[in-house]
C-alpha cells in the first residue's frame, strides 16, 4: 500500500473517530439503550461514494477497533463489529444495484441492517430470542437516523466538487 493511500485511510479513520467521540458526548436520543444517530457512518457512505469499498471497509474496521479500545468498551466491540459489517455489506450491495444517486435510501437500509446485526449478536451472546422485543423500536429509530445520516452524506456530496474531495484512486 502506498504511503499516500495509507495517509488517506488514516485521515478518514481519524475523521470517523472524531465524529464517533463527539456523538458519544451527546445526550441519548431516546430512553432506549443503543439508539444513536450513527454519524460516523457518513464517512463510510462518503468513501463508498468517492473511493472504493475496500477503503471504506478498512476505515470502518479501524474505527470500530480503535473506538472500542479508546472508550474502554471492548464488550461492545462484538456488537459494533457485527452491526457494522451487516450495515456495510447491505450498503455495498445497494450502491452496486442502485448507484450513487440514492444515498439516503442506502443509508436507511444500512441502519436497519446495523440494528439487525446487533440484534443477531445479542441473541448469540445472551442465548435468548427475547431481545427481539427491541426490533420494532430499533426499526423506527433506524429509519429516522439512517435518513438523517444519509441526507448529511448526500448534501455533502452535492456541495463539494470532485477536486475538493480528499481521495486517491
C-alpha atoms as a PDB file:
ATOM      1  CA  UNK A   1       0.000   0.000   0.000  1.00  0.00           C
ATOM      2  CA  UNK A   2       1.380   3.400  -0.899  1.00  0.00           C
ATOM      3  CA  UNK A   3       2.168   5.922   1.815  1.00  0.00           C
ATOM      4  CA  UNK A   4      -0.263   8.456   0.347  1.00  0.00           C
ATOM      5  CA  UNK A   5      -3.025   5.889   0.344  1.00  0.00           C
ATOM      6  CA  UNK A   6      -2.309   4.873   3.938  1.00  0.00           C
ATOM      7  CA  UNK A   7      -2.336   8.543   4.931  1.00  0.00           C
ATOM      8  CA  UNK A   8      -5.681   8.944   3.197  1.00  0.00           C
ATOM      9  CA  UNK A   9      -7.138   5.994   5.121  1.00  0.00           C
ATOM     10  CA  UNK A  10      -5.670   7.245   8.417  1.00  0.00           C
ATOM     11  CA  UNK A  11      -7.182  10.682   7.838  1.00  0.00           C
ATOM     12  CA  UNK A  12     -10.664   9.291   7.206  1.00  0.00           C
ATOM     13  CA  UNK A  13     -10.330   6.944  10.185  1.00  0.00           C
ATOM     14  CA  UNK A  14      -9.473   9.966  12.324  1.00  0.00           C
ATOM     15  CA  UNK A  15     -12.465  11.889  10.988  1.00  0.00           C
ATOM     16  CA  UNK A  16     -14.783   8.938  11.698  1.00  0.00           C
ATOM     17  CA  UNK A  17     -13.338   8.522  15.210  1.00  0.00           C
ATOM     18  CA  UNK A  18     -13.748  12.229  15.932  1.00  0.00           C
ATOM     19  CA  UNK A  19     -17.375  12.120  14.839  1.00  0.00           C
ATOM     20  CA  UNK A  20     -17.906   8.985  16.949  1.00  0.00           C
ATOM     21  CA  UNK A  21     -16.399  10.594  20.068  1.00  0.00           C
ATOM     22  CA  UNK A  22     -18.380  13.823  19.653  1.00  0.00           C
ATOM     23  CA  UNK A  23     -21.591  11.853  19.167  1.00  0.00           C
ATOM     24  CA  UNK A  24     -20.823   9.775  22.267  1.00  0.00           C
ATOM     25  CA  UNK A  25     -20.744  13.006  24.284  1.00  0.00           C
ATOM     26  CA  UNK A  26     -24.264  13.976  23.171  1.00  0.00           C
ATOM     27  CA  UNK A  27     -27.213  13.077  25.397  1.00  0.00           C
ATOM     28  CA  UNK A  28     -29.146   9.934  24.380  1.00  0.00           C
ATOM     29  CA  UNK A  29     -31.783  10.386  21.677  1.00  0.00           C
ATOM     30  CA  UNK A  30     -34.238   8.096  23.418  1.00  0.00           C
ATOM     31  CA  UNK A  31     -34.536   6.275  26.742  1.00  0.00           C
ATOM     32  CA  UNK A  32     -33.980   3.008  24.867  1.00  0.00           C
ATOM     33  CA  UNK A  33     -30.389   1.697  25.064  1.00  0.00           C
ATOM     34  CA  UNK A  34     -28.385   1.625  21.855  1.00  0.00           C
ATOM     35  CA  UNK A  35     -30.237   4.271  19.867  1.00  0.00           C
ATOM     36  CA  UNK A  36     -27.903   6.881  18.421  1.00  0.00           C
ATOM     37  CA  UNK A  37     -27.513   8.811  15.194  1.00  0.00           C
ATOM     38  CA  UNK A  38     -24.558   6.860  13.831  1.00  0.00           C
ATOM     39  CA  UNK A  39     -22.976   9.933  12.297  1.00  0.00           C
ATOM     40  CA  UNK A  40     -19.633   8.169  11.797  1.00  0.00           C
ATOM     41  CA  UNK A  41     -21.445   6.243   9.063  1.00  0.00           C
ATOM     42  CA  UNK A  42     -21.321   9.444   6.986  1.00  0.00           C
ATOM     43  CA  UNK A  43     -17.624   8.680   6.479  1.00  0.00           C
ATOM     44  CA  UNK A  44     -18.401   5.137   5.319  1.00  0.00           C
ATOM     45  CA  UNK A  45     -21.014   6.450   2.879  1.00  0.00           C
ATOM     46  CA  UNK A  46     -18.588   9.115   1.708  1.00  0.00           C
ATOM     47  CA  UNK A  47     -15.903   6.530   0.997  1.00  0.00           C
ATOM     48  CA  UNK A  48     -18.331   4.248  -0.818  1.00  0.00           C
ATOM     49  CA  UNK A  49     -19.280   7.259  -2.943  1.00  0.00           C
ATOM     50  CA  UNK A  50     -15.805   8.655  -3.683  1.00  0.00           C
ATOM     51  CA  UNK A  51     -13.334   5.818  -3.050  1.00  0.00           C
ATOM     52  CA  UNK A  52     -13.600   2.026  -3.059  1.00  0.00           C
ATOM     53  CA  UNK A  53     -15.456  -0.478  -0.932  1.00  0.00           C
ATOM     54  CA  UNK A  54     -12.077  -1.769   0.291  1.00  0.00           C
ATOM     55  CA  UNK A  55     -11.120   1.691   1.537  1.00  0.00           C
ATOM     56  CA  UNK A  56     -14.496   2.085   3.228  1.00  0.00           C
ATOM     57  CA  UNK A  57     -14.194  -1.327   4.884  1.00  0.00           C
ATOM     58  CA  UNK A  58     -10.681  -0.604   6.124  1.00  0.00           C
ATOM     59  CA  UNK A  59     -11.755   2.692   7.706  1.00  0.00           C
ATOM     60  CA  UNK A  60     -14.872   1.112   9.204  1.00  0.00           C
ATOM     61  CA  UNK A  61     -12.920  -1.735  10.808  1.00  0.00           C
ATOM     62  CA  UNK A  62     -10.224   0.572  12.145  1.00  0.00           C
ATOM     63  CA  UNK A  63     -12.838   2.947  13.584  1.00  0.00           C
ATOM     64  CA  UNK A  64     -14.657   0.113  15.340  1.00  0.00           C
ATOM     65  CA  UNK A  65     -11.453  -1.347  16.756  1.00  0.00           C
ATOM     66  CA  UNK A  66      -9.910   1.936  17.896  1.00  0.00           C
ATOM     67  CA  UNK A  67     -13.192   3.317  19.266  1.00  0.00           C
ATOM     68  CA  UNK A  68     -13.727   0.164  21.314  1.00  0.00           C
ATOM     69  CA  UNK A  69     -10.202   0.361  22.726  1.00  0.00           C
ATOM     70  CA  UNK A  70     -10.224   4.105  23.392  1.00  0.00           C
ATOM     71  CA  UNK A  71     -13.611   4.169  25.076  1.00  0.00           C
ATOM     72  CA  UNK A  72     -12.752   1.114  27.134  1.00  0.00           C
ATOM     73  CA  UNK A  73     -15.842  -0.667  25.889  1.00  0.00           C
ATOM     74  CA  UNK A  74     -14.362  -3.819  24.421  1.00  0.00           C
ATOM     75  CA  UNK A  75     -17.579  -5.564  25.469  1.00  0.00           C
ATOM     76  CA  UNK A  76     -19.397  -3.546  22.838  1.00  0.00           C
ATOM     77  CA  UNK A  77     -16.782  -4.460  20.205  1.00  0.00           C
ATOM     78  CA  UNK A  78     -18.698  -7.532  19.039  1.00  0.00           C
ATOM     79  CA  UNK A  79     -21.938  -5.536  18.796  1.00  0.00           C
ATOM     80  CA  UNK A  80     -20.275  -2.753  16.823  1.00  0.00           C
ATOM     81  CA  UNK A  81     -18.410  -5.160  14.584  1.00  0.00           C
ATOM     82  CA  UNK A  82     -21.413  -7.322  13.756  1.00  0.00           C
ATOM     83  CA  UNK A  83     -23.707  -4.335  13.228  1.00  0.00           C
ATOM     84  CA  UNK A  84     -21.070  -2.523  11.189  1.00  0.00           C
ATOM     85  CA  UNK A  85     -20.430  -5.499   8.918  1.00  0.00           C
ATOM     86  CA  UNK A  86     -24.151  -6.178   8.360  1.00  0.00           C
ATOM     87  CA  UNK A  87     -24.623  -2.493   7.518  1.00  0.00           C
ATOM     88  CA  UNK A  88     -21.564  -2.381   5.285  1.00  0.00           C
ATOM     89  CA  UNK A  89     -22.496  -5.425   3.203  1.00  0.00           C
ATOM     90  CA  UNK A  90     -26.036  -4.105   2.680  1.00  0.00           C
ATOM     91  CA  UNK A  91     -24.778  -0.662   1.627  1.00  0.00           C
ATOM     92  CA  UNK A  92     -22.130  -2.033  -0.758  1.00  0.00           C
ATOM     93  CA  UNK A  93     -24.712  -4.234  -2.474  1.00  0.00           C
ATOM     94  CA  UNK A  94     -27.176  -1.359  -2.750  1.00  0.00           C
ATOM     95  CA  UNK A  95     -24.518   1.016  -4.116  1.00  0.00           C
ATOM     96  CA  UNK A  96     -23.841  -1.562  -6.837  1.00  0.00           C
ATOM     97  CA  UNK A  97     -27.540  -2.096  -7.588  1.00  0.00           C
ATOM     98  CA  UNK A  98     -28.844   1.467  -7.315  1.00  0.00           C
ATOM     99  CA  UNK A  99     -25.832   3.642  -7.967  1.00  0.00           C
ATOM    100  CA  UNK A 100     -24.743   6.770  -6.169  1.00  0.00           C
ATOM    101  CA  UNK A 101     -27.969   8.725  -6.517  1.00  0.00           C
ATOM    102  CA  UNK A 102     -29.791   7.014  -3.661  1.00  0.00           C
ATOM    103  CA  UNK A 103     -27.522   7.698  -0.686  1.00  0.00           C
ATOM    104  CA  UNK A 104     -30.314   8.484   1.822  1.00  0.00           C
ATOM    105  CA  UNK A 105     -32.181   5.267   0.982  1.00  0.00           C
ATOM    106  CA  UNK A 106     -28.964   3.227   1.099  1.00  0.00           C
ATOM    107  CA  UNK A 107     -28.192   4.759   4.489  1.00  0.00           C
ATOM    108  CA  UNK A 108     -31.629   3.829   5.853  1.00  0.00           C
ATOM    109  CA  UNK A 109     -31.194   0.220   4.742  1.00  0.00           C
ATOM    110  CA  UNK A 110     -27.683   0.251   6.214  1.00  0.00           C
ATOM    111  CA  UNK A 111     -29.025   1.490   9.560  1.00  0.00           C
ATOM    112  CA  UNK A 112     -31.685  -1.211   9.578  1.00  0.00           C
ATOM    113  CA  UNK A 113     -29.087  -3.877   8.853  1.00  0.00           C
ATOM    114  CA  UNK A 114     -26.825  -2.436  11.545  1.00  0.00           C
ATOM    115  CA  UNK A 115     -29.620  -2.883  14.070  1.00  0.00           C
ATOM    116  CA  UNK A 116     -30.331  -6.367  12.737  1.00  0.00           C
ATOM    117  CA  UNK A 117     -26.664  -7.318  13.112  1.00  0.00           C
ATOM    118  CA  UNK A 118     -26.620  -6.093  16.693  1.00  0.00           C
ATOM    119  CA  UNK A 119     -29.797  -8.000  17.498  1.00  0.00           C
ATOM    120  CA  UNK A 120     -28.298 -11.167  15.978  1.00  0.00           C
ATOM    121  CA  UNK A 121     -25.099 -10.940  18.028  1.00  0.00           C
ATOM    122  CA  UNK A 122     -27.108 -10.117  21.153  1.00  0.00           C
ATOM    123  CA  UNK A 123     -29.181 -13.269  20.619  1.00  0.00           C
ATOM    124  CA  UNK A 124     -25.978 -15.294  20.334  1.00  0.00           C
ATOM    125  CA  UNK A 125     -24.329 -13.719  23.382  1.00  0.00           C
ATOM    126  CA  UNK A 126     -27.443 -13.786  25.569  1.00  0.00           C
ATOM    127  CA  UNK A 127     -28.630 -17.122  24.166  1.00  0.00           C
ATOM    128  CA  UNK A 128     -32.131 -15.770  24.076  1.00  0.00           C
ATOM    129  CA  UNK A 129     -34.555 -14.525  21.465  1.00  0.00           C
ATOM    130  CA  UNK A 130     -36.189 -12.187  23.985  1.00  0.00           C
ATOM    131  CA  UNK A 131     -34.008  -9.369  22.664  1.00  0.00           C
ATOM    132  CA  UNK A 132     -36.229  -9.341  19.557  1.00  0.00           C
ATOM    133  CA  UNK A 133     -38.668  -7.223  21.564  1.00  0.00           C
ATOM    134  CA  UNK A 134     -36.380  -4.255  20.740  1.00  0.00           C
ATOM    135  CA  UNK A 135     -36.595  -4.817  16.980  1.00  0.00           C
ATOM    136  CA  UNK A 136     -39.696  -2.654  16.284  1.00  0.00           C
ATOM    137  CA  UNK A 137     -38.218   0.303  18.207  1.00  0.00           C
ATOM    138  CA  UNK A 138     -34.841  -0.167  16.546  1.00  0.00           C
ATOM    139  CA  UNK A 139     -36.543  -0.315  13.150  1.00  0.00           C
ATOM    140  CA  UNK A 140     -38.210   3.050  13.682  1.00  0.00           C
ATOM    141  CA  UNK A 141     -35.015   4.615  15.009  1.00  0.00           C
ATOM    142  CA  UNK A 142     -33.012   3.044  12.165  1.00  0.00           C
ATOM    143  CA  UNK A 143     -35.273   4.617   9.556  1.00  0.00           C
ATOM    144  CA  UNK A 144     -35.050   8.054  11.167  1.00  0.00           C
ATOM    145  CA  UNK A 145     -31.346   8.056  11.975  1.00  0.00           C
ATOM    146  CA  UNK A 146     -30.404   6.368   8.693  1.00  0.00           C
ATOM    147  CA  UNK A 147     -32.322   9.019   6.759  1.00  0.00           C
ATOM    148  CA  UNK A 148     -30.601  11.807   8.687  1.00  0.00           C
ATOM    149  CA  UNK A 149     -27.138  10.309   8.197  1.00  0.00           C
ATOM    150  CA  UNK A 150     -27.832   9.624   4.531  1.00  0.00           C
ATOM    151  CA  UNK A 151     -29.051  13.160   3.950  1.00  0.00           C
ATOM    152  CA  UNK A 152     -25.908  14.524   5.610  1.00  0.00           C
ATOM    153  CA  UNK A 153     -23.724  12.456   3.259  1.00  0.00           C
ATOM    154  CA  UNK A 154     -25.881  13.310   0.236  1.00  0.00           C
ATOM    155  CA  UNK A 155     -25.826  17.076   0.881  1.00  0.00           C
ATOM    156  CA  UNK A 156     -22.068  16.981   1.462  1.00  0.00           C
ATOM    157  CA  UNK A 157     -21.558  15.103  -1.820  1.00  0.00           C
ATOM    158  CA  UNK A 158     -23.628  17.722  -3.659  1.00  0.00           C
ATOM    159  CA  UNK A 159     -21.814  20.710  -2.138  1.00  0.00           C
ATOM    160  CA  UNK A 160     -18.254  19.626  -2.857  1.00  0.00           C
ATOM    161  CA  UNK A 161     -16.642  19.446  -6.256  1.00  0.00           C
ATOM    162  CA  UNK A 162     -14.611  16.353  -7.085  1.00  0.00           C
ATOM    163  CA  UNK A 163     -11.323  18.282  -6.751  1.00  0.00           C
ATOM    164  CA  UNK A 164     -12.310  19.325  -3.197  1.00  0.00           C
ATOM    165  CA  UNK A 165     -12.603  15.727  -2.035  1.00  0.00           C
ATOM    166  CA  UNK A 166      -9.586  14.060  -0.486  1.00  0.00           C
ATOM    167  CA  UNK A 167      -9.383  10.723  -2.181  1.00  0.00           C
ATOM    168  CA  UNK A 168      -6.886   8.623  -4.038  1.00  0.00           C
ATOM    169  CA  UNK A 169      -7.745   6.102  -6.736  1.00  0.00           C
END
